[in-house]
């Protein structure tokens, strides 16, 4: 996944093409594929990536939601803090304990409060 994304970015410069191509890998059932994809996407630092992360935060797979929570820490400078905070607040209330922990870790790293 990471290799094909890197090849795409060298052939088609621009974050938009990379974000579109990465979407299928962000929800891949294998966690290693998702992790590699997030690692490539961290370098993009494009605010359009937030929409993909937000969609992943609502995915039926808890692993995808957990990865989305962690990815939000890398987008904090590119999107309004309120947007990041809203997504993280939903993830803190997730039914999966690991998703909640990932969201709390991200909130702590961004120094966001859990209540308004």
N, C-alpha and C. Protein backbone atom coordinates (compact mmCIF):
# COMPACT_ATOMS: atom_id res chain seq x y z
N UNK A 1 0.83 -1.19 0.00
CA UNK A 1 0.00 0.00 0.00
C UNK A 1 0.87 1.25 0.00
N UNK A 2 1.81 1.31 0.93
CA UNK A 2 2.67 2.49 1.04
C UNK A 2 3.48 2.67 -0.24
N UNK A 3 3.98 1.57 -0.78
CA UNK A 3 4.79 1.66 -1.99
C UNK A 3 3.98 2.19 -3.16
N UNK A 4 2.75 1.68 -3.33
CA UNK A 4 1.93 2.15 -4.44
C UNK A 4 1.53 3.60 -4.25
N UNK A 5 1.32 4.04 -3.01
CA UNK A 5 1.01 5.44 -2.76
C UNK A 5 2.19 6.34 -3.06
N UNK A 6 3.38 5.88 -2.69
CA UNK A 6 4.57 6.67 -2.97
C UNK A 6 4.81 6.77 -4.48
N UNK A 7 4.56 5.67 -5.20
CA UNK A 7 4.70 5.70 -6.66
C UNK A 7 3.70 6.68 -7.27
N UNK A 8 2.47 6.67 -6.76
CA UNK A 8 1.45 7.59 -7.25
C UNK A 8 1.86 9.03 -7.00
N UNK A 9 2.37 9.32 -5.82
CA UNK A 9 2.74 10.70 -5.50
C UNK A 9 3.88 11.20 -6.38
N UNK A 10 4.75 10.29 -6.83
CA UNK A 10 5.83 10.73 -7.72
C UNK A 10 5.34 10.93 -9.15
N UNK A 11 4.30 10.17 -9.56
CA UNK A 11 3.76 10.31 -10.91
C UNK A 11 2.75 11.43 -11.01
N UNK A 12 1.94 11.59 -9.95
CA UNK A 12 0.89 12.60 -9.93
C UNK A 12 1.06 13.47 -8.70
N UNK A 13 1.90 14.48 -8.79
CA UNK A 13 2.08 15.33 -7.62
C UNK A 13 0.77 16.00 -7.24
N UNK A 14 0.56 16.15 -5.98
CA UNK A 14 -0.66 16.78 -5.49
C UNK A 14 -1.33 15.92 -4.46
N UNK A 15 -1.71 16.54 -3.38
CA UNK A 15 -2.29 15.81 -2.27
C UNK A 15 -3.65 15.22 -2.61
N UNK A 16 -4.39 15.86 -3.49
CA UNK A 16 -5.74 15.39 -3.80
C UNK A 16 -5.72 13.98 -4.39
N UNK A 17 -4.86 13.76 -5.37
CA UNK A 17 -4.77 12.43 -5.99
C UNK A 17 -4.33 11.40 -4.98
N UNK A 18 -3.40 11.77 -4.12
CA UNK A 18 -2.91 10.85 -3.10
C UNK A 18 -4.00 10.50 -2.09
N UNK A 19 -4.74 11.51 -1.65
CA UNK A 19 -5.84 11.27 -0.70
C UNK A 19 -6.90 10.36 -1.29
N UNK A 20 -7.24 10.59 -2.56
CA UNK A 20 -8.25 9.76 -3.22
C UNK A 20 -7.78 8.32 -3.33
N UNK A 21 -6.54 8.14 -3.72
CA UNK A 21 -6.00 6.78 -3.87
C UNK A 21 -5.86 6.07 -2.53
N UNK A 22 -5.56 6.81 -1.50
CA UNK A 22 -5.33 6.21 -0.18
C UNK A 22 -6.60 5.74 0.49
N UNK A 23 -7.72 6.27 0.10
CA UNK A 23 -8.97 5.99 0.82
C UNK A 23 -9.25 4.50 0.94
N UNK A 24 -9.01 3.73 -0.10
CA UNK A 24 -9.26 2.29 -0.03
C UNK A 24 -8.37 1.60 0.99
N UNK A 25 -7.17 2.13 1.20
CA UNK A 25 -6.25 1.51 2.14
C UNK A 25 -6.51 1.95 3.58
N UNK A 26 -7.14 3.10 3.78
CA UNK A 26 -7.41 3.58 5.13
C UNK A 26 -8.43 2.72 5.86
N UNK A 27 -9.23 1.97 5.12
CA UNK A 27 -10.24 1.10 5.73
C UNK A 27 -9.94 -0.38 5.44
N UNK A 28 -8.73 -0.66 5.06
CA UNK A 28 -8.33 -2.03 4.76
C UNK A 28 -8.48 -2.90 6.01
N UNK A 29 -8.89 -4.17 5.87
CA UNK A 29 -9.06 -5.03 7.05
C UNK A 29 -7.75 -5.35 7.79
N UNK A 30 -6.62 -5.27 7.11
CA UNK A 30 -5.34 -5.57 7.77
C UNK A 30 -4.77 -4.29 8.37
N UNK A 31 -4.51 -4.35 9.67
CA UNK A 31 -4.04 -3.16 10.37
C UNK A 31 -2.70 -2.66 9.86
N UNK A 32 -1.85 -3.56 9.39
CA UNK A 32 -0.54 -3.13 8.89
C UNK A 32 -0.67 -2.27 7.64
N UNK A 33 -1.63 -2.61 6.80
CA UNK A 33 -1.86 -1.82 5.59
C UNK A 33 -2.35 -0.42 5.99
N UNK A 34 -3.29 -0.37 6.96
CA UNK A 34 -3.79 0.92 7.42
C UNK A 34 -2.66 1.75 8.03
N UNK A 35 -1.82 1.12 8.85
CA UNK A 35 -0.73 1.85 9.50
C UNK A 35 0.24 2.43 8.48
N UNK A 36 0.61 1.63 7.48
CA UNK A 36 1.52 2.12 6.45
C UNK A 36 0.90 3.29 5.68
N UNK A 37 -0.38 3.17 5.40
CA UNK A 37 -1.07 4.24 4.68
C UNK A 37 -1.11 5.51 5.50
N UNK A 38 -1.44 5.39 6.78
CA UNK A 38 -1.46 6.59 7.64
C UNK A 38 -0.07 7.21 7.69
N UNK A 39 0.96 6.39 7.75
CA UNK A 39 2.32 6.93 7.80
C UNK A 39 2.65 7.75 6.55
N UNK A 40 2.19 7.28 5.39
CA UNK A 40 2.40 8.04 4.16
C UNK A 40 1.56 9.32 4.20
N UNK A 41 0.33 9.20 4.66
CA UNK A 41 -0.57 10.34 4.65
C UNK A 41 -0.14 11.43 5.64
N UNK A 42 0.55 11.07 6.70
CA UNK A 42 1.03 12.08 7.66
C UNK A 42 1.90 13.11 6.97
N UNK A 43 2.67 12.67 6.01
CA UNK A 43 3.59 13.57 5.31
C UNK A 43 2.84 14.56 4.41
N UNK A 44 1.61 14.23 4.03
CA UNK A 44 0.86 15.07 3.12
C UNK A 44 0.46 16.39 3.78
N UNK A 45 -0.02 16.32 5.01
CA UNK A 45 -0.46 17.50 5.75
C UNK A 45 -1.40 18.38 4.93
N UNK A 46 -2.41 17.77 4.37
CA UNK A 46 -3.39 18.48 3.57
C UNK A 46 -4.71 18.49 4.33
N UNK A 47 -5.36 19.65 4.47
CA UNK A 47 -6.61 19.71 5.22
C UNK A 47 -7.72 18.82 4.64
N UNK A 48 -7.63 18.50 3.34
CA UNK A 48 -8.65 17.62 2.74
C UNK A 48 -8.60 16.22 3.32
N UNK A 49 -7.49 15.87 3.91
CA UNK A 49 -7.37 14.55 4.54
C UNK A 49 -8.31 14.42 5.72
N UNK A 50 -8.67 15.53 6.35
CA UNK A 50 -9.56 15.49 7.51
C UNK A 50 -10.89 14.80 7.18
N UNK A 51 -11.44 15.04 5.99
CA UNK A 51 -12.70 14.40 5.61
C UNK A 51 -12.56 12.89 5.59
N UNK A 52 -11.42 12.39 5.13
CA UNK A 52 -11.19 10.95 5.11
C UNK A 52 -11.08 10.41 6.54
N UNK A 53 -10.38 11.15 7.38
CA UNK A 53 -10.21 10.72 8.77
C UNK A 53 -11.56 10.72 9.48
N UNK A 54 -12.35 11.73 9.22
CA UNK A 54 -13.68 11.80 9.85
C UNK A 54 -14.54 10.61 9.43
N UNK A 55 -14.52 10.28 8.14
CA UNK A 55 -15.28 9.11 7.67
C UNK A 55 -14.77 7.83 8.35
N UNK A 56 -13.46 7.73 8.47
CA UNK A 56 -12.88 6.54 9.13
C UNK A 56 -13.27 6.48 10.60
N UNK A 57 -13.47 7.63 11.22
CA UNK A 57 -13.85 7.64 12.64
C UNK A 57 -15.26 7.10 12.85
N UNK A 58 -16.03 6.98 11.78
CA UNK A 58 -17.40 6.46 11.85
C UNK A 58 -17.51 5.05 11.24
N UNK A 59 -16.39 4.46 10.91
CA UNK A 59 -16.37 3.14 10.27
C UNK A 59 -16.84 2.06 11.24
N UNK A 60 -17.37 0.97 10.72
CA UNK A 60 -17.86 -0.12 11.57
C UNK A 60 -16.73 -0.91 12.23
N UNK A 61 -15.55 -0.90 11.66
CA UNK A 61 -14.40 -1.61 12.22
C UNK A 61 -13.71 -0.76 13.29
N UNK A 62 -13.62 -1.28 14.50
CA UNK A 62 -13.01 -0.54 15.61
C UNK A 62 -11.55 -0.20 15.33
N UNK A 63 -10.85 -1.07 14.63
CA UNK A 63 -9.45 -0.79 14.29
C UNK A 63 -9.31 0.42 13.40
N UNK A 64 -10.23 0.59 12.47
CA UNK A 64 -10.21 1.75 11.58
C UNK A 64 -10.49 3.01 12.41
N UNK A 65 -11.46 2.93 13.34
CA UNK A 65 -11.77 4.08 14.19
C UNK A 65 -10.59 4.43 15.08
N UNK A 66 -9.92 3.43 15.61
CA UNK A 66 -8.74 3.65 16.47
C UNK A 66 -7.63 4.35 15.68
N UNK A 67 -7.39 3.89 14.46
CA UNK A 67 -6.37 4.52 13.62
C UNK A 67 -6.74 5.97 13.29
N UNK A 68 -8.02 6.21 13.08
CA UNK A 68 -8.47 7.58 12.79
C UNK A 68 -8.21 8.49 13.99
N UNK A 69 -8.46 7.99 15.19
CA UNK A 69 -8.20 8.79 16.39
C UNK A 69 -6.73 9.18 16.48
N UNK A 70 -5.87 8.24 16.21
CA UNK A 70 -4.43 8.53 16.25
C UNK A 70 -4.02 9.49 15.14
N UNK A 71 -4.63 9.35 13.98
CA UNK A 71 -4.27 10.21 12.84
C UNK A 71 -4.64 11.67 13.09
N UNK A 72 -5.65 11.91 13.91
CA UNK A 72 -6.07 13.28 14.16
C UNK A 72 -4.97 14.12 14.80
N UNK A 73 -4.06 13.49 15.51
CA UNK A 73 -2.98 14.26 16.13
C UNK A 73 -2.05 14.87 15.09
N UNK A 74 -2.02 14.30 13.90
CA UNK A 74 -1.14 14.81 12.84
C UNK A 74 -1.82 15.86 11.97
N UNK A 75 -3.12 16.02 12.14
CA UNK A 75 -3.86 16.99 11.33
C UNK A 75 -4.19 18.25 12.10
N UNK A 76 -3.80 18.30 13.36
CA UNK A 76 -4.25 19.37 14.23
C UNK A 76 -3.87 20.76 13.75
N UNK A 77 -2.76 20.88 13.03
CA UNK A 77 -2.33 22.20 12.57
C UNK A 77 -3.00 22.60 11.26
N UNK A 78 -3.62 21.63 10.59
CA UNK A 78 -4.17 21.88 9.26
C UNK A 78 -5.67 22.15 9.24
N UNK A 79 -6.38 21.81 10.31
CA UNK A 79 -7.83 22.01 10.37
C UNK A 79 -8.17 22.73 11.67
N UNK A 80 -9.33 23.38 11.72
CA UNK A 80 -9.71 24.06 12.96
C UNK A 80 -9.78 23.10 14.14
N UNK A 81 -9.28 23.56 15.28
CA UNK A 81 -9.25 22.72 16.48
C UNK A 81 -10.64 22.22 16.86
N UNK A 82 -11.67 23.02 16.63
CA UNK A 82 -13.02 22.62 16.99
C UNK A 82 -13.45 21.38 16.20
N UNK A 83 -13.06 21.29 14.94
CA UNK A 83 -13.40 20.12 14.12
C UNK A 83 -12.74 18.86 14.68
N UNK A 84 -11.47 18.97 15.00
CA UNK A 84 -10.74 17.84 15.57
C UNK A 84 -11.36 17.44 16.91
N UNK A 85 -11.68 18.44 17.72
CA UNK A 85 -12.25 18.20 19.05
C UNK A 85 -13.58 17.46 18.95
N UNK A 86 -14.45 17.86 18.02
CA UNK A 86 -15.75 17.22 17.86
C UNK A 86 -15.62 15.74 17.52
N UNK A 87 -14.72 15.42 16.60
CA UNK A 87 -14.53 14.02 16.21
C UNK A 87 -13.97 13.23 17.39
N UNK A 88 -12.99 13.80 18.08
CA UNK A 88 -12.40 13.09 19.22
C UNK A 88 -13.41 12.88 20.35
N UNK A 89 -14.28 13.84 20.58
CA UNK A 89 -15.29 13.68 21.63
C UNK A 89 -16.23 12.51 21.32
N UNK A 90 -16.56 12.31 20.07
CA UNK A 90 -17.38 11.16 19.69
C UNK A 90 -16.61 9.86 19.91
N UNK A 91 -15.33 9.87 19.56
CA UNK A 91 -14.51 8.66 19.70
C UNK A 91 -14.25 8.32 21.17
N UNK A 92 -14.19 9.30 22.03
CA UNK A 92 -13.99 9.04 23.47
C UNK A 92 -15.18 8.26 24.02
N UNK A 93 -16.33 8.40 23.40
CA UNK A 93 -17.54 7.71 23.85
C UNK A 93 -17.80 6.42 23.07
N UNK A 94 -16.83 5.97 22.30
CA UNK A 94 -16.97 4.77 21.47
C UNK A 94 -17.23 3.55 22.34
N UNK A 95 -17.90 2.56 21.78
CA UNK A 95 -18.18 1.32 22.51
C UNK A 95 -16.95 0.44 22.68
N UNK A 96 -15.92 0.67 21.86
CA UNK A 96 -14.68 -0.11 21.96
C UNK A 96 -13.67 0.63 22.85
N UNK A 97 -13.19 -0.07 23.87
CA UNK A 97 -12.28 0.52 24.84
C UNK A 97 -10.99 1.04 24.20
N UNK A 98 -10.45 0.31 23.24
CA UNK A 98 -9.21 0.72 22.59
C UNK A 98 -9.38 2.00 21.77
N UNK A 99 -10.55 2.18 21.18
CA UNK A 99 -10.83 3.40 20.44
C UNK A 99 -10.88 4.59 21.41
N UNK A 100 -11.54 4.38 22.55
CA UNK A 100 -11.61 5.44 23.57
C UNK A 100 -10.21 5.84 24.02
N UNK A 101 -9.37 4.86 24.28
CA UNK A 101 -8.00 5.15 24.73
C UNK A 101 -7.21 5.91 23.67
N UNK A 102 -7.35 5.50 22.42
CA UNK A 102 -6.63 6.20 21.35
C UNK A 102 -7.10 7.65 21.24
N UNK A 103 -8.40 7.87 21.38
CA UNK A 103 -8.93 9.23 21.33
C UNK A 103 -8.42 10.06 22.51
N UNK A 104 -8.39 9.45 23.69
CA UNK A 104 -7.90 10.18 24.87
C UNK A 104 -6.41 10.51 24.74
N UNK A 105 -5.64 9.57 24.19
CA UNK A 105 -4.21 9.84 23.97
C UNK A 105 -4.02 11.01 23.01
N UNK A 106 -4.81 11.02 21.96
CA UNK A 106 -4.70 12.11 21.00
C UNK A 106 -5.10 13.44 21.64
N UNK A 107 -6.18 13.41 22.41
CA UNK A 107 -6.60 14.64 23.09
C UNK A 107 -5.50 15.13 24.03
N UNK A 108 -4.87 14.23 24.75
CA UNK A 108 -3.80 14.61 25.66
C UNK A 108 -2.60 15.18 24.90
N UNK A 109 -2.26 14.56 23.77
CA UNK A 109 -1.12 15.06 23.00
C UNK A 109 -1.40 16.43 22.40
N UNK A 110 -2.66 16.70 22.11
CA UNK A 110 -3.05 18.01 21.57
C UNK A 110 -3.44 18.99 22.66
N UNK A 111 -3.46 18.49 23.90
CA UNK A 111 -3.86 19.30 25.06
C UNK A 111 -5.27 19.86 24.91
N UNK A 112 -6.18 19.00 24.44
CA UNK A 112 -7.58 19.38 24.33
C UNK A 112 -8.32 18.96 25.58
N UNK A 113 -9.28 19.73 25.98
CA UNK A 113 -10.10 19.41 27.14
C UNK A 113 -11.21 18.45 26.73
N UNK A 114 -11.60 17.58 27.65
CA UNK A 114 -12.66 16.61 27.34
C UNK A 114 -14.04 17.21 27.50
N UNK A 115 -14.18 18.36 28.09
CA UNK A 115 -15.46 19.04 28.23
C UNK A 115 -15.31 20.49 27.81
N UNK A 116 -16.35 21.04 27.20
CA UNK A 116 -16.29 22.45 26.75
C UNK A 116 -16.33 23.41 27.91
